[in-house]
Amino acid sequence: MQQLKLSLQIIGVNPFVSLPDEVLTRIFNEAGKDKGTIPICGTINGNPYKQTLVKYNGAWRLYINTTMLKNSPKRIGETIEMTVGFDTSDRTIKAHPKLEKAFADNQEAKMKFDSLRPSLQLEIVRYISFLKTEESVDRNITKAINFLLGKERFVGREKP
């Protein structure tokens, strides 16, 4: 990975950098695609990060969140030193065992889940997997099953 010096920009409230075309081309070749989201990793000012490269309004952007760069929204215009490359690590998020059991107990909800687009499936799995308490897990699994059955909203989403 080559060292880059890029200017931090903003769109709406989201800080980002635009990667040079030759870097994008290399990443696309390594990823074997130039559409959809592309997992990347590297360093910002010497600190490691993992992120996803996305195309928005016709332009590829690497969004820089506050985990990657402290106070990034307040640093617009600053030049940051970074490396970036295609991330080959496994980013699979395993469903919480209680969510898997809930699907085993409710085939209708499981069928609806399986019919959702992959990004929404991941959103549900990720949300439940990162909850801190068993109470929260139990409560949100019930909400997720009810959401899949068309009975209530879940994570700000209307019924499917």
C-alpha atoms as a PDB file:
ATOM      1  CA  MET A   1       0.000   0.000   0.000  1.00  0.00           C
ATOM      2  CA  GLN A   2       1.352   3.361  -0.969  1.00  0.00           C
ATOM      3  CA  GLN A   3       1.295   6.365   1.329  1.00  0.00           C
ATOM      4  CA  LEU A   4      -1.304   8.978   0.280  1.00  0.00           C
ATOM      5  CA  LYS A   5      -1.846  12.561   1.385  1.00  0.00           C
ATOM      6  CA  LEU A   6      -5.507  13.451   0.931  1.00  0.00           C
ATOM      7  CA  SER A   7      -7.665  16.403   1.876  1.00  0.00           C
ATOM      8  CA  LEU A   8     -10.605  15.695   4.178  1.00  0.00           C
ATOM      9  CA  GLN A   9     -13.860  16.864   2.548  1.00  0.00           C
ATOM     10  CA  ILE A  10     -17.489  16.796   3.633  1.00  0.00           C
ATOM     11  CA  ILE A  11     -20.831  16.014   2.015  1.00  0.00           C
ATOM     12  CA  GLY A  12     -23.798  16.813   4.251  1.00  0.00           C
ATOM     13  CA  VAL A  13     -22.482  15.833   7.681  1.00  0.00           C
ATOM     14  CA  ASN A  14     -20.199  13.057   6.402  1.00  0.00           C
ATOM     15  CA  PRO A  15     -16.420  13.602   6.180  1.00  0.00           C
ATOM     16  CA  PHE A  16     -14.763  11.702   3.315  1.00  0.00           C
ATOM     17  CA  VAL A  17     -11.752  11.543   1.026  1.00  0.00           C
ATOM     18  CA  SER A  18     -11.674  10.965  -2.707  1.00  0.00           C
ATOM     19  CA  LEU A  19      -9.149   8.349  -3.716  1.00  0.00           C
ATOM     20  CA  PRO A  20      -6.964   8.847  -6.811  1.00  0.00           C
ATOM     21  CA  ASP A  21      -8.108   6.945  -9.924  1.00  0.00           C
ATOM     22  CA  GLU A  22      -5.009   4.708  -9.945  1.00  0.00           C
ATOM     23  CA  VAL A  23      -5.727   3.639  -6.349  1.00  0.00           C
ATOM     24  CA  LEU A  24      -9.374   2.933  -7.171  1.00  0.00           C
ATOM     25  CA  THR A  25      -8.336   0.891 -10.224  1.00  0.00           C
ATOM     26  CA  ARG A  26      -5.946  -1.200  -8.100  1.00  0.00           C
ATOM     27  CA  ILE A  27      -8.629  -1.812  -5.459  1.00  0.00           C
ATOM     28  CA  PHE A  28     -11.228  -2.749  -8.114  1.00  0.00           C
ATOM     29  CA  ASN A  29      -8.771  -5.229  -9.644  1.00  0.00           C
ATOM     30  CA  GLU A  30      -7.982  -6.769  -6.245  1.00  0.00           C
ATOM     31  CA  ALA A  31     -11.694  -6.927  -5.335  1.00  0.00           C
ATOM     32  CA  GLY A  32     -12.664  -8.318  -8.735  1.00  0.00           C
ATOM     33  CA  LYS A  33     -15.466  -5.757  -8.994  1.00  0.00           C
ATOM     34  CA  ASP A  34     -16.184  -2.071  -9.379  1.00  0.00           C
ATOM     35  CA  LYS A  35     -19.792  -2.039  -8.172  1.00  0.00           C
ATOM     36  CA  GLY A  36     -21.463  -2.355  -4.805  1.00  0.00           C
ATOM     37  CA  THR A  37     -19.606  -1.903  -1.556  1.00  0.00           C
ATOM     38  CA  ILE A  38     -15.932  -2.828  -1.351  1.00  0.00           C
ATOM     39  CA  PRO A  39     -14.259  -3.714   1.963  1.00  0.00           C
ATOM     40  CA  ILE A  40     -11.014  -1.838   2.501  1.00  0.00           C
ATOM     41  CA  CYS A  41      -8.418  -1.344   5.225  1.00  0.00           C
ATOM     42  CA  GLY A  42      -5.313   0.681   5.848  1.00  0.00           C
ATOM     43  CA  THR A  43      -4.019   3.419   8.120  1.00  0.00           C
ATOM     44  CA  ILE A  44      -4.916   7.054   8.793  1.00  0.00           C
ATOM     45  CA  ASN A  45      -2.145   9.114  10.345  1.00  0.00           C
ATOM     46  CA  GLY A  46      -0.539   5.794  11.336  1.00  0.00           C
ATOM     47  CA  ASN A  47      -3.633   4.279  12.971  1.00  0.00           C
ATOM     48  CA  PRO A  48      -5.254   1.167  11.436  1.00  0.00           C
ATOM     49  CA  TYR A  49      -8.852   1.188  10.203  1.00  0.00           C
ATOM     50  CA  LYS A  50     -11.387  -0.990   8.391  1.00  0.00           C
ATOM     51  CA  GLN A  51     -14.064   0.640   6.279  1.00  0.00           C
ATOM     52  CA  THR A  52     -16.200   0.161   3.201  1.00  0.00           C
ATOM     53  CA  LEU A  53     -15.652   2.052  -0.033  1.00  0.00           C
ATOM     54  CA  VAL A  54     -18.972   3.185  -1.529  1.00  0.00           C
ATOM     55  CA  LYS A  55     -20.163   4.933  -4.655  1.00  0.00           C
ATOM     56  CA  TYR A  56     -22.578   7.803  -4.037  1.00  0.00           C
ATOM     57  CA  ASN A  57     -23.948  10.197  -6.662  1.00  0.00           C
ATOM     58  CA  GLY A  58     -21.570   8.748  -9.251  1.00  0.00           C
ATOM     59  CA  ALA A  59     -18.389   9.214  -7.184  1.00  0.00           C
ATOM     60  CA  TRP A  60     -16.443   6.711  -5.079  1.00  0.00           C
ATOM     61  CA  ARG A  61     -15.965   7.959  -1.536  1.00  0.00           C
ATOM     62  CA  LEU A  62     -14.133   6.735   1.505  1.00  0.00           C
ATOM     63  CA  TYR A  63     -16.115   8.049   4.451  1.00  0.00           C
ATOM     64  CA  ILE A  64     -13.992   8.929   7.469  1.00  0.00           C
ATOM     65  CA  ASN A  65     -15.835   8.399  10.741  1.00  0.00           C
ATOM     66  CA  THR A  66     -14.754   9.470  14.215  1.00  0.00           C
ATOM     67  CA  THR A  67     -13.498   5.962  15.011  1.00  0.00           C
ATOM     68  CA  MET A  68     -11.046   6.259  12.124  1.00  0.00           C
ATOM     69  CA  LEU A  69     -10.053   9.872  12.826  1.00  0.00           C
ATOM     70  CA  LYS A  70     -10.915  11.639  16.054  1.00  0.00           C
ATOM     71  CA  ASN A  71     -13.105  14.743  15.543  1.00  0.00           C
ATOM     72  CA  SER A  72     -13.196  14.135  11.783  1.00  0.00           C
ATOM     73  CA  PRO A  73     -16.235  16.424  11.189  1.00  0.00           C
ATOM     74  CA  LYS A  74     -14.262  19.323  12.700  1.00  0.00           C
ATOM     75  CA  ARG A  75     -11.153  18.637  10.586  1.00  0.00           C
ATOM     76  CA  ILE A  76     -12.520  19.399   7.110  1.00  0.00           C
ATOM     77  CA  GLY A  77      -9.776  20.721   4.831  1.00  0.00           C
ATOM     78  CA  GLU A  78      -7.033  18.999   6.831  1.00  0.00           C
ATOM     79  CA  THR A  79      -4.578  16.845   4.886  1.00  0.00           C
ATOM     80  CA  ILE A  80      -4.391  13.325   6.273  1.00  0.00           C
ATOM     81  CA  GLU A  81      -1.777  10.679   5.595  1.00  0.00           C
ATOM     82  CA  MET A  82      -3.257   7.317   4.791  1.00  0.00           C
ATOM     83  CA  THR A  83      -2.839   3.965   3.154  1.00  0.00           C
ATOM     84  CA  VAL A  84      -5.712   2.040   1.623  1.00  0.00           C
ATOM     85  CA  GLY A  85      -6.131  -1.402   0.119  1.00  0.00           C
ATOM     86  CA  PHE A  86      -8.682  -4.118  -0.524  1.00  0.00           C
ATOM     87  CA  ASP A  87      -9.514  -5.966   2.715  1.00  0.00           C
ATOM     88  CA  THR A  88      -9.456  -9.732   2.230  1.00  0.00           C
ATOM     89  CA  SER A  89     -10.353 -10.536   5.846  1.00  0.00           C
ATOM     90  CA  ASP A  90     -13.612 -12.296   6.634  1.00  0.00           C
ATOM     91  CA  ARG A  91     -16.191  -9.739   7.764  1.00  0.00           C
ATOM     92  CA  THR A  92     -18.998 -12.200   8.299  1.00  0.00           C
ATOM     93  CA  ILE A  93     -21.148 -11.416  11.309  1.00  0.00           C
ATOM     94  CA  LYS A  94     -22.629 -14.564  12.786  1.00  0.00           C
ATOM     95  CA  ALA A  95     -26.241 -14.371  13.898  1.00  0.00           C
ATOM     96  CA  HIS A  96     -26.789 -14.411  17.663  1.00  0.00           C
ATOM     97  CA  PRO A  97     -27.645 -17.974  18.803  1.00  0.00           C
ATOM     98  CA  LYS A  98     -30.972 -16.730  20.203  1.00  0.00           C
ATOM     99  CA  LEU A  99     -31.867 -15.246  16.813  1.00  0.00           C
ATOM    100  CA  GLU A 100     -31.030 -18.559  15.133  1.00  0.00           C
ATOM    101  CA  LYS A 101     -33.267 -20.356  17.654  1.00  0.00           C
ATOM    102  CA  ALA A 102     -36.080 -17.857  17.035  1.00  0.00           C
ATOM    103  CA  PHE A 103     -35.847 -18.586  13.301  1.00  0.00           C
ATOM    104  CA  ALA A 104     -35.862 -22.340  13.968  1.00  0.00           C
ATOM    105  CA  ASP A 105     -39.019 -21.866  16.071  1.00  0.00           C
ATOM    106  CA  ASN A 106     -40.754 -19.629  13.521  1.00  0.00           C
ATOM    107  CA  GLN A 107     -40.365 -20.807   9.941  1.00  0.00           C
ATOM    108  CA  GLU A 108     -42.617 -18.043   8.571  1.00  0.00           C
ATOM    109  CA  ALA A 109     -40.307 -15.356   9.978  1.00  0.00           C
ATOM    110  CA  LYS A 110     -37.250 -17.279   8.705  1.00  0.00           C
ATOM    111  CA  MET A 111     -38.726 -17.468   5.191  1.00  0.00           C
ATOM    112  CA  LYS A 112     -39.449 -13.732   5.237  1.00  0.00           C
ATOM    113  CA  PHE A 113     -35.907 -13.046   6.508  1.00  0.00           C
ATOM    114  CA  ASP A 114     -34.423 -15.186   3.721  1.00  0.00           C
ATOM    115  CA  SER A 115     -36.430 -13.204   1.140  1.00  0.00           C
ATOM    116  CA  LEU A 116     -35.038  -9.841   2.315  1.00  0.00           C
ATOM    117  CA  ARG A 117     -32.215  -8.186   0.403  1.00  0.00           C
ATOM    118  CA  PRO A 118     -28.813  -9.114   1.896  1.00  0.00           C
ATOM    119  CA  SER A 119     -28.144  -5.613   3.245  1.00  0.00           C
ATOM    120  CA  LEU A 120     -31.346  -5.687   5.334  1.00  0.00           C
ATOM    121  CA  GLN A 121     -30.565  -9.214   6.571  1.00  0.00           C
ATOM    122  CA  LEU A 122     -27.143  -7.969   7.647  1.00  0.00           C
ATOM    123  CA  GLU A 123     -28.678  -4.925   9.348  1.00  0.00           C
ATOM    124  CA  ILE A 124     -30.910  -7.161  11.490  1.00  0.00           C
ATOM    125  CA  VAL A 125     -28.133  -9.653  12.338  1.00  0.00           C
ATOM    126  CA  ARG A 126     -25.619  -6.882  13.104  1.00  0.00           C
ATOM    127  CA  TYR A 127     -28.048  -4.939  15.287  1.00  0.00           C
ATOM    128  CA  ILE A 128     -28.893  -7.936  17.454  1.00  0.00           C
ATOM    129  CA  SER A 129     -25.342  -9.314  17.554  1.00  0.00           C
ATOM    130  CA  PHE A 130     -23.909  -6.117  19.037  1.00  0.00           C
ATOM    131  CA  LEU A 131     -26.450  -5.615  21.823  1.00  0.00           C
ATOM    132  CA  LYS A 132     -24.887  -5.596  25.290  1.00  0.00           C
ATOM    133  CA  THR A 133     -27.448  -7.230  27.582  1.00  0.00           C
ATOM    134  CA  GLU A 134     -29.460 -10.425  27.331  1.00  0.00           C
ATOM    135  CA  GLU A 135     -32.598  -8.365  28.080  1.00  0.00           C
ATOM    136  CA  SER A 136     -31.921  -6.211  25.028  1.00  0.00           C
ATOM    137  CA  VAL A 137     -31.206  -9.271  22.893  1.00  0.00           C
ATOM    138  CA  ASP A 138     -34.462 -10.965  23.948  1.00  0.00           C
ATOM    139  CA  ARG A 139     -36.551  -7.802  23.498  1.00  0.00           C
ATOM    140  CA  ASN A 140     -35.096  -7.036  20.070  1.00  0.00           C
ATOM    141  CA  ILE A 141     -35.379 -10.584  18.781  1.00  0.00           C
ATOM    142  CA  THR A 142     -39.096 -10.419  19.596  1.00  0.00           C
ATOM    143  CA  LYS A 143     -39.289  -7.101  17.729  1.00  0.00           C
ATOM    144  CA  ALA A 144     -37.368  -8.523  14.758  1.00  0.00           C
ATOM    145  CA  ILE A 145     -39.668 -11.560  14.509  1.00  0.00           C
ATOM    146  CA  ASN A 146     -42.748  -9.324  14.762  1.00  0.00           C
ATOM    147  CA  PHE A 147     -41.240  -7.031  12.096  1.00  0.00           C
ATOM    148  CA  LEU A 148     -40.713  -9.993   9.766  1.00  0.00           C
ATOM    149  CA  LEU A 149     -44.301 -11.107  10.388  1.00  0.00           C
ATOM    150  CA  GLY A 150     -45.562  -7.604   9.517  1.00  0.00           C
ATOM    151  CA  LYS A 151     -46.706  -6.772  13.050  1.00  0.00           C
ATOM    152  CA  GLU A 152     -44.417  -3.847  14.004  1.00  0.00           C
ATOM    153  CA  ARG A 153     -41.495  -1.637  13.070  1.00  0.00           C
ATOM    154  CA  PHE A 154     -37.910  -2.594  13.780  1.00  0.00           C
ATOM    155  CA  VAL A 155     -34.806  -0.393  13.907  1.00  0.00           C
ATOM    156  CA  GLY A 156     -36.730   2.491  12.373  1.00  0.00           C
ATOM    157  CA  ARG A 157     -38.017   0.404   9.458  1.00  0.00           C
ATOM    158  CA  GLU A 158     -41.629   0.060   8.451  1.00  0.00           C
ATOM    159  CA  LYS A 159     -43.148  -3.403   8.199  1.00  0.00           C
ATOM    160  CA  PRO A 160     -41.737  -5.374   5.226  1.00  0.00           C
END
